[in-house]
C-alpha atoms as a PDB file:
ATOM      1  CA  UNK A   1      14.134 -63.028 -10.501  1.00  0.00           C
ATOM      2  CA  UNK A   2      14.587 -59.286 -10.050  1.00  0.00           C
ATOM      3  CA  UNK A   3      12.993 -57.211  -7.311  1.00  0.00           C
ATOM      4  CA  UNK A   4      10.584 -55.586  -9.756  1.00  0.00           C
ATOM      5  CA  UNK A   5       9.550 -58.975 -11.142  1.00  0.00           C
ATOM      6  CA  UNK A   6       8.939 -60.273  -7.620  1.00  0.00           C
ATOM      7  CA  UNK A   7       6.778 -57.234  -6.786  1.00  0.00           C
ATOM      8  CA  UNK A   8       4.769 -57.804  -9.953  1.00  0.00           C
ATOM      9  CA  UNK A   9       4.234 -61.459  -9.029  1.00  0.00           C
ATOM     10  CA  UNK A  10       3.226 -60.505  -5.489  1.00  0.00           C
ATOM     11  CA  UNK A  11       0.646 -58.103  -6.859  1.00  0.00           C
ATOM     12  CA  UNK A  12      -0.772 -60.917  -8.973  1.00  0.00           C
ATOM     13  CA  UNK A  13      -0.993 -63.118  -5.884  1.00  0.00           C
ATOM     14  CA  UNK A  14      -2.680 -60.403  -3.827  1.00  0.00           C
ATOM     15  CA  UNK A  15      -5.169 -59.703  -6.624  1.00  0.00           C
ATOM     16  CA  UNK A  16      -5.924 -63.412  -6.840  1.00  0.00           C
ATOM     17  CA  UNK A  17      -6.349 -63.688  -3.065  1.00  0.00           C
ATOM     18  CA  UNK A  18      -8.683 -60.689  -2.958  1.00  0.00           C
ATOM     19  CA  UNK A  19     -10.790 -62.208  -5.719  1.00  0.00           C
ATOM     20  CA  UNK A  20     -10.842 -65.669  -4.138  1.00  0.00           C
ATOM     21  CA  UNK A  21     -11.584 -64.338  -0.676  1.00  0.00           C
ATOM     22  CA  UNK A  22     -14.559 -62.393  -2.004  1.00  0.00           C
ATOM     23  CA  UNK A  23     -15.897 -65.608  -3.553  1.00  0.00           C
ATOM     24  CA  UNK A  24     -16.305 -67.321  -0.178  1.00  0.00           C
ATOM     25  CA  UNK A  25     -15.499 -70.616   1.505  1.00  0.00           C
ATOM     26  CA  UNK A  26     -15.909 -72.697  -1.670  1.00  0.00           C
ATOM     27  CA  UNK A  27     -12.410 -71.686  -2.817  1.00  0.00           C
ATOM     28  CA  UNK A  28     -10.510 -72.187   0.426  1.00  0.00           C
ATOM     29  CA  UNK A  29      -8.226 -74.696  -1.280  1.00  0.00           C
ATOM     30  CA  UNK A  30      -7.332 -72.220  -4.024  1.00  0.00           C
ATOM     31  CA  UNK A  31      -6.635 -69.563  -1.392  1.00  0.00           C
ATOM     32  CA  UNK A  32      -4.224 -71.890   0.348  1.00  0.00           C
ATOM     33  CA  UNK A  33      -2.439 -72.851  -2.846  1.00  0.00           C
ATOM     34  CA  UNK A  34      -2.038 -69.218  -3.905  1.00  0.00           C
ATOM     35  CA  UNK A  35      -0.500 -68.289  -0.548  1.00  0.00           C
ATOM     36  CA  UNK A  36       1.711 -71.383  -0.592  1.00  0.00           C
ATOM     37  CA  UNK A  37       2.981 -70.344  -4.036  1.00  0.00           C
ATOM     38  CA  UNK A  38       4.066 -66.966  -2.679  1.00  0.00           C
ATOM     39  CA  UNK A  39       5.800 -68.613   0.264  1.00  0.00           C
ATOM     40  CA  UNK A  40       7.628 -71.330  -1.667  1.00  0.00           C
ATOM     41  CA  UNK A  41       8.905 -68.926  -4.335  1.00  0.00           C
ATOM     42  CA  UNK A  42      10.090 -66.420  -1.675  1.00  0.00           C
ATOM     43  CA  UNK A  43       8.578 -63.596  -3.676  1.00  0.00           C
ATOM     44  CA  UNK A  44       8.271 -61.257  -0.711  1.00  0.00           C
ATOM     45  CA  UNK A  45      11.888 -61.649   0.372  1.00  0.00           C
ATOM     46  CA  UNK A  46      13.064 -61.006  -3.189  1.00  0.00           C
ATOM     47  CA  UNK A  47      10.856 -57.910  -3.327  1.00  0.00           C
ATOM     48  CA  UNK A  48      12.406 -56.559  -0.133  1.00  0.00           C
ATOM     49  CA  UNK A  49       9.779 -57.552   2.450  1.00  0.00           C
ATOM     50  CA  UNK A  50      10.486 -59.579   5.572  1.00  0.00           C
ATOM     51  CA  UNK A  51       7.977 -62.229   4.535  1.00  0.00           C
ATOM     52  CA  UNK A  52       4.901 -62.787   2.372  1.00  0.00           C
ATOM     53  CA  UNK A  53       2.509 -61.822   5.144  1.00  0.00           C
ATOM     54  CA  UNK A  54       4.059 -58.369   5.525  1.00  0.00           C
ATOM     55  CA  UNK A  55       3.123 -57.617   1.916  1.00  0.00           C
ATOM     56  CA  UNK A  56      -0.220 -59.415   1.823  1.00  0.00           C
ATOM     57  CA  UNK A  57      -1.487 -57.887   5.088  1.00  0.00           C
ATOM     58  CA  UNK A  58      -1.253 -54.497   3.391  1.00  0.00           C
ATOM     59  CA  UNK A  59      -2.881 -55.618   0.149  1.00  0.00           C
ATOM     60  CA  UNK A  60      -5.469 -58.283   0.993  1.00  0.00           C
ATOM     61  CA  UNK A  61      -8.478 -57.034   2.927  1.00  0.00           C
ATOM     62  CA  UNK A  62     -10.331 -59.064   5.536  1.00  0.00           C
ATOM     63  CA  UNK A  63      -7.979 -62.031   5.622  1.00  0.00           C
ATOM     64  CA  UNK A  64      -6.005 -62.926   8.752  1.00  0.00           C
ATOM     65  CA  UNK A  65      -2.671 -64.680   8.895  1.00  0.00           C
ATOM     66  CA  UNK A  66      -4.166 -67.532  10.890  1.00  0.00           C
ATOM     67  CA  UNK A  67      -6.847 -68.073   8.253  1.00  0.00           C
ATOM     68  CA  UNK A  68      -4.314 -68.081   5.436  1.00  0.00           C
ATOM     69  CA  UNK A  69      -2.069 -70.532   7.290  1.00  0.00           C
ATOM     70  CA  UNK A  70      -5.055 -72.796   7.927  1.00  0.00           C
ATOM     71  CA  UNK A  71      -6.016 -72.795   4.251  1.00  0.00           C
ATOM     72  CA  UNK A  72      -2.416 -73.348   3.196  1.00  0.00           C
ATOM     73  CA  UNK A  73      -1.939 -76.327   5.517  1.00  0.00           C
ATOM     74  CA  UNK A  74      -5.156 -77.925   4.272  1.00  0.00           C
ATOM     75  CA  UNK A  75      -4.365 -77.343   0.610  1.00  0.00           C
ATOM     76  CA  UNK A  76      -0.759 -78.554   0.733  1.00  0.00           C
ATOM     77  CA  UNK A  77      -1.229 -81.459   3.172  1.00  0.00           C
ATOM     78  CA  UNK A  78      -4.682 -82.859   2.386  1.00  0.00           C
ATOM     79  CA  UNK A  79      -5.072 -81.849  -1.240  1.00  0.00           C
ATOM     80  CA  UNK A  80      -7.923 -80.321  -3.184  1.00  0.00           C
ATOM     81  CA  UNK A  81     -10.336 -83.274  -3.287  1.00  0.00           C
ATOM     82  CA  UNK A  82     -10.166 -84.002   0.462  1.00  0.00           C
ATOM     83  CA  UNK A  83     -10.349 -80.301   1.355  1.00  0.00           C
ATOM     84  CA  UNK A  84     -13.456 -79.786  -0.769  1.00  0.00           C
ATOM     85  CA  UNK A  85     -15.062 -82.935   0.659  1.00  0.00           C
ATOM     86  CA  UNK A  86     -14.601 -82.191   4.374  1.00  0.00           C
ATOM     87  CA  UNK A  87     -13.858 -78.484   4.571  1.00  0.00           C
ATOM     88  CA  UNK A  88     -10.873 -76.624   5.948  1.00  0.00           C
ATOM     89  CA  UNK A  89     -12.111 -76.256   9.530  1.00  0.00           C
ATOM     90  CA  UNK A  90     -12.813 -79.971  10.044  1.00  0.00           C
ATOM     91  CA  UNK A  91      -9.439 -80.890   8.565  1.00  0.00           C
ATOM     92  CA  UNK A  92      -7.717 -78.338  10.772  1.00  0.00           C
ATOM     93  CA  UNK A  93      -9.272 -80.013  13.818  1.00  0.00           C
ATOM     94  CA  UNK A  94      -8.377 -83.455  12.458  1.00  0.00           C
ATOM     95  CA  UNK A  95      -4.735 -82.401  12.168  1.00  0.00           C
ATOM     96  CA  UNK A  96      -4.760 -81.299  15.807  1.00  0.00           C
ATOM     97  CA  UNK A  97      -6.444 -84.556  16.841  1.00  0.00           C
ATOM     98  CA  UNK A  98      -3.897 -86.686  14.977  1.00  0.00           C
ATOM     99  CA  UNK A  99      -0.965 -84.832  16.554  1.00  0.00           C
ATOM    100  CA  UNK A 100      -2.315 -85.841  19.969  1.00  0.00           C
ATOM    101  CA  UNK A 101      -3.581 -89.285  18.856  1.00  0.00           C
ATOM    102  CA  UNK A 102      -1.403 -90.574  15.997  1.00  0.00           C
ATOM    103  CA  UNK A 103      -2.915 -93.566  14.172  1.00  0.00           C
ATOM    104  CA  UNK A 104      -1.122 -96.887  14.393  1.00  0.00           C
ATOM    105  CA  UNK A 105       0.447 -98.733  11.477  1.00  0.00           C
ATOM    106  CA  UNK A 106      -2.218 -99.964   9.073  1.00  0.00           C
ATOM    107  CA  UNK A 107      -4.950 -97.780  10.517  1.00  0.00           C
ATOM    108  CA  UNK A 108      -4.980 -95.363   7.575  1.00  0.00           C
ATOM    109  CA  UNK A 109      -6.370 -97.503   4.723  1.00  0.00           C
ATOM    110  CA  UNK A 110      -6.935 -94.692   2.247  1.00  0.00           C
ATOM    111  CA  UNK A 111      -5.612 -91.196   1.382  1.00  0.00           C
ATOM    112  CA  UNK A 112      -9.091 -90.051   2.343  1.00  0.00           C
ATOM    113  CA  UNK A 113      -9.083 -89.654   6.166  1.00  0.00           C
ATOM    114  CA  UNK A 114     -12.819 -90.334   6.430  1.00  0.00           C
ATOM    115  CA  UNK A 115     -12.265 -93.849   7.806  1.00  0.00           C
ATOM    116  CA  UNK A 116     -10.107 -92.733  10.735  1.00  0.00           C
ATOM    117  CA  UNK A 117     -11.600 -93.458  14.163  1.00  0.00           C
ATOM    118  CA  UNK A 118     -12.280 -90.451  16.369  1.00  0.00           C
ATOM    119  CA  UNK A 119     -13.113 -90.611  20.077  1.00  0.00           C
ATOM    120  CA  UNK A 120     -15.869 -88.057  20.633  1.00  0.00           C
ATOM    121  CA  UNK A 121     -16.812 -87.068  24.205  1.00  0.00           C
ATOM    122  CA  UNK A 122     -20.532 -86.685  24.766  1.00  0.00           C
ATOM    123  CA  UNK A 123     -21.964 -83.831  26.833  1.00  0.00           C
ATOM    124  CA  UNK A 124     -22.901 -86.195  29.673  1.00  0.00           C
ATOM    125  CA  UNK A 125     -19.331 -87.498  29.932  1.00  0.00           C
ATOM    126  CA  UNK A 126     -19.347 -90.772  27.982  1.00  0.00           C
ATOM    127  CA  UNK A 127     -17.264 -91.307  24.832  1.00  0.00           C
ATOM    128  CA  UNK A 128     -18.434 -92.612  21.464  1.00  0.00           C
ATOM    129  CA  UNK A 129     -16.144 -93.743  18.622  1.00  0.00           C
ATOM    130  CA  UNK A 130     -17.084 -92.453  15.184  1.00  0.00           C
ATOM    131  CA  UNK A 131     -15.329 -92.208  11.845  1.00  0.00           C
ATOM    132  CA  UNK A 132     -14.035 -88.800  10.826  1.00  0.00           C
ATOM    133  CA  UNK A 133     -16.543 -88.752   7.959  1.00  0.00           C
ATOM    134  CA  UNK A 134     -19.373 -89.157  10.491  1.00  0.00           C
ATOM    135  CA  UNK A 135     -18.159 -86.390  12.808  1.00  0.00           C
ATOM    136  CA  UNK A 136     -19.710 -82.972  12.644  1.00  0.00           C
ATOM    137  CA  UNK A 137     -17.644 -79.835  13.155  1.00  0.00           C
ATOM    138  CA  UNK A 138     -18.902 -79.549  16.742  1.00  0.00           C
ATOM    139  CA  UNK A 139     -18.017 -83.197  17.458  1.00  0.00           C
ATOM    140  CA  UNK A 140     -14.495 -82.629  16.155  1.00  0.00           C
ATOM    141  CA  UNK A 141     -14.171 -79.624  18.450  1.00  0.00           C
ATOM    142  CA  UNK A 142     -15.146 -81.807  21.418  1.00  0.00           C
ATOM    143  CA  UNK A 143     -12.705 -84.524  20.309  1.00  0.00           C
ATOM    144  CA  UNK A 144      -9.845 -82.032  20.163  1.00  0.00           C
ATOM    145  CA  UNK A 145     -10.790 -80.172  23.364  1.00  0.00           C
ATOM    146  CA  UNK A 146     -12.770 -82.541  25.618  1.00  0.00           C
ATOM    147  CA  UNK A 147     -14.874 -80.795  28.251  1.00  0.00           C
ATOM    148  CA  UNK A 148     -13.100 -80.671  31.581  1.00  0.00           C
ATOM    149  CA  UNK A 149     -14.682 -82.703  34.360  1.00  0.00           C
ATOM    150  CA  UNK A 150     -16.491 -80.610  36.894  1.00  0.00           C
ATOM    151  CA  UNK A 151     -14.673 -80.099  40.186  1.00  0.00           C
ATOM    152  CA  UNK A 152     -15.566 -82.621  42.848  1.00  0.00           C
ATOM    153  CA  UNK A 153     -17.455 -80.112  44.978  1.00  0.00           C
ATOM    154  CA  UNK A 154     -19.977 -79.577  42.163  1.00  0.00           C
ATOM    155  CA  UNK A 155     -20.974 -83.233  42.372  1.00  0.00           C
ATOM    156  CA  UNK A 156     -21.101 -84.044  46.059  1.00  0.00           C
ATOM    157  CA  UNK A 157     -23.636 -83.100  48.667  1.00  0.00           C
ATOM    158  CA  UNK A 158     -23.178 -80.083  50.917  1.00  0.00           C
ATOM    159  CA  UNK A 159     -22.235 -82.071  54.065  1.00  0.00           C
ATOM    160  CA  UNK A 160     -19.575 -84.125  52.265  1.00  0.00           C
ATOM    161  CA  UNK A 161     -18.277 -81.042  50.491  1.00  0.00           C
ATOM    162  CA  UNK A 162     -17.919 -79.280  53.830  1.00  0.00           C
ATOM    163  CA  UNK A 163     -16.021 -82.213  55.356  1.00  0.00           C
ATOM    164  CA  UNK A 164     -13.607 -82.242  52.441  1.00  0.00           C
ATOM    165  CA  UNK A 165     -12.919 -78.516  52.756  1.00  0.00           C
ATOM    166  CA  UNK A 166     -12.254 -78.871  56.478  1.00  0.00           C
ATOM    167  CA  UNK A 167      -9.922 -81.848  56.013  1.00  0.00           C
ATOM    168  CA  UNK A 168      -8.039 -80.021  53.286  1.00  0.00           C
ATOM    169  CA  UNK A 169      -7.189 -77.335  55.828  1.00  0.00           C
ATOM    170  CA  UNK A 170      -6.579 -79.524  58.889  1.00  0.00           C
ATOM    171  CA  UNK A 171      -4.328 -82.236  57.440  1.00  0.00           C
ATOM    172  CA  UNK A 172      -1.467 -79.926  56.331  1.00  0.00           C
ATOM    173  CA  UNK A 173      -1.646 -78.205  59.724  1.00  0.00           C
ATOM    174  CA  UNK A 174      -1.314 -81.461  61.695  1.00  0.00           C
ATOM    175  CA  UNK A 175       0.970 -83.583  59.488  1.00  0.00           C
ATOM    176  CA  UNK A 176       4.217 -82.745  57.712  1.00  0.00           C
ATOM    177  CA  UNK A 177       4.080 -85.319  54.889  1.00  0.00           C
ATOM    178  CA  UNK A 178       0.522 -86.643  54.824  1.00  0.00           C
ATOM    179  CA  UNK A 179      -1.634 -85.886  51.778  1.00  0.00           C
ATOM    180  CA  UNK A 180      -5.397 -86.049  51.523  1.00  0.00           C
ATOM    181  CA  UNK A 181      -7.085 -86.666  48.181  1.00  0.00           C
ATOM    182  CA  UNK A 182     -10.691 -86.926  47.158  1.00  0.00           C
ATOM    183  CA  UNK A 183     -12.553 -88.495  44.254  1.00  0.00           C
ATOM    184  CA  UNK A 184     -16.234 -88.410  43.392  1.00  0.00           C
ATOM    185  CA  UNK A 185     -18.677 -91.052  42.246  1.00  0.00           C
ATOM    186  CA  UNK A 186     -22.095 -89.633  41.626  1.00  0.00           C
ATOM    187  CA  UNK A 187     -23.053 -87.532  44.614  1.00  0.00           C
ATOM    188  CA  UNK A 188     -20.527 -89.156  46.986  1.00  0.00           C
ATOM    189  CA  UNK A 189     -16.949 -88.209  47.780  1.00  0.00           C
ATOM    190  CA  UNK A 190     -14.246 -90.688  48.840  1.00  0.00           C
ATOM    191  CA  UNK A 191     -11.208 -89.515  50.778  1.00  0.00           C
ATOM    192  CA  UNK A 192      -7.758 -91.148  50.676  1.00  0.00           C
ATOM    193  CA  UNK A 193      -4.992 -90.398  53.161  1.00  0.00           C
ATOM    194  CA  UNK A 194      -1.445 -90.976  51.958  1.00  0.00           C
ATOM    195  CA  UNK A 195       1.759 -91.283  53.983  1.00  0.00           C
ATOM    196  CA  UNK A 196       0.137 -91.342  57.412  1.00  0.00           C
ATOM    197  CA  UNK A 197       2.814 -92.358  59.951  1.00  0.00           C
ATOM    198  CA  UNK A 198       1.711 -95.475  61.831  1.00  0.00           C
ATOM    199  CA  UNK A 199       2.913 -93.881  65.056  1.00  0.00           C
ATOM    200  CA  UNK A 200       0.485 -90.999  64.492  1.00  0.00           C
ATOM    201  CA  UNK A 201      -2.766 -92.884  63.912  1.00  0.00           C
ATOM    202  CA  UNK A 202      -4.143 -91.415  67.113  1.00  0.00           C
ATOM    203  CA  UNK A 203      -3.465 -87.951  65.727  1.00  0.00           C
ATOM    204  CA  UNK A 204      -5.380 -88.868  62.542  1.00  0.00           C
ATOM    205  CA  UNK A 205      -8.347 -90.003  64.627  1.00  0.00           C
ATOM    206  CA  UNK A 206      -8.188 -86.728  66.534  1.00  0.00           C
ATOM    207  CA  UNK A 207      -8.144 -84.774  63.263  1.00  0.00           C
ATOM    208  CA  UNK A 208     -11.225 -86.658  62.023  1.00  0.00           C
ATOM    209  CA  UNK A 209     -13.034 -85.914  65.268  1.00  0.00           C
ATOM    210  CA  UNK A 210     -12.022 -82.271  64.982  1.00  0.00           C
ATOM    211  CA  UNK A 211     -13.335 -82.238  61.430  1.00  0.00           C
ATOM    212  CA  UNK A 212     -16.750 -83.463  62.586  1.00  0.00           C
ATOM    213  CA  UNK A 213     -16.775 -80.913  65.392  1.00  0.00           C
ATOM    214  CA  UNK A 214     -16.008 -78.063  62.987  1.00  0.00           C
ATOM    215  CA  UNK A 215     -18.691 -79.378  60.639  1.00  0.00           C
ATOM    216  CA  UNK A 216     -21.340 -79.388  63.387  1.00  0.00           C
ATOM    217  CA  UNK A 217     -20.351 -75.887  64.452  1.00  0.00           C
ATOM    218  CA  UNK A 218     -20.517 -74.622  60.867  1.00  0.00           C
ATOM    219  CA  UNK A 219     -23.909 -76.176  60.201  1.00  0.00           C
ATOM    220  CA  UNK A 220     -25.329 -74.821  63.447  1.00  0.00           C
ATOM    221  CA  UNK A 221     -24.111 -71.342  62.541  1.00  0.00           C
ATOM    222  CA  UNK A 222     -26.023 -71.366  59.265  1.00  0.00           C
ATOM    223  CA  UNK A 223     -29.157 -69.167  59.296  1.00  0.00           C
END
């Protein structure tokens, strides 16, 4: 293919993409296939461009590279029927979920991914297992990016929070290797000391007493 022929083909692709993009989300699969055609045939390189996006970004209005790549992945990997059934965005999230949670052997009974099990975190922290077909777009977003647990100090009461903050400062000052960790259950915090030398148990007791003394002083100083 000559350079002029490649430019002519690229113009056809850009015209098609402009037309499809104006049509809306119902033709996302066609958008992806059109872009994939330009990539696989290396039209842009033959025409003298670095890549297809360099040409298309100048000739297709309102379409980002990320969007085109998303449509292309859906169209070439999932196919037209599956893409039209579930939509590009849900399939994009499913791809991300499967990269992090690959299904085991025999767990994909059909080319249609609707039967795949998805672990969906609920807002209150529990997890429910649903099929992909049952998951909404928002549920897929939560499955891919589970909400981070709140820091311990957002759960526990003020007095316990204060004790933890004091211990976190005192322990490194008094011990060279000892670590202090905390976990929360409901509104209570539980502290674990690691690598406390047996010969320095008296020092640990002294640190705990100092912690309580600092706590009392801090609470008394509050207005």
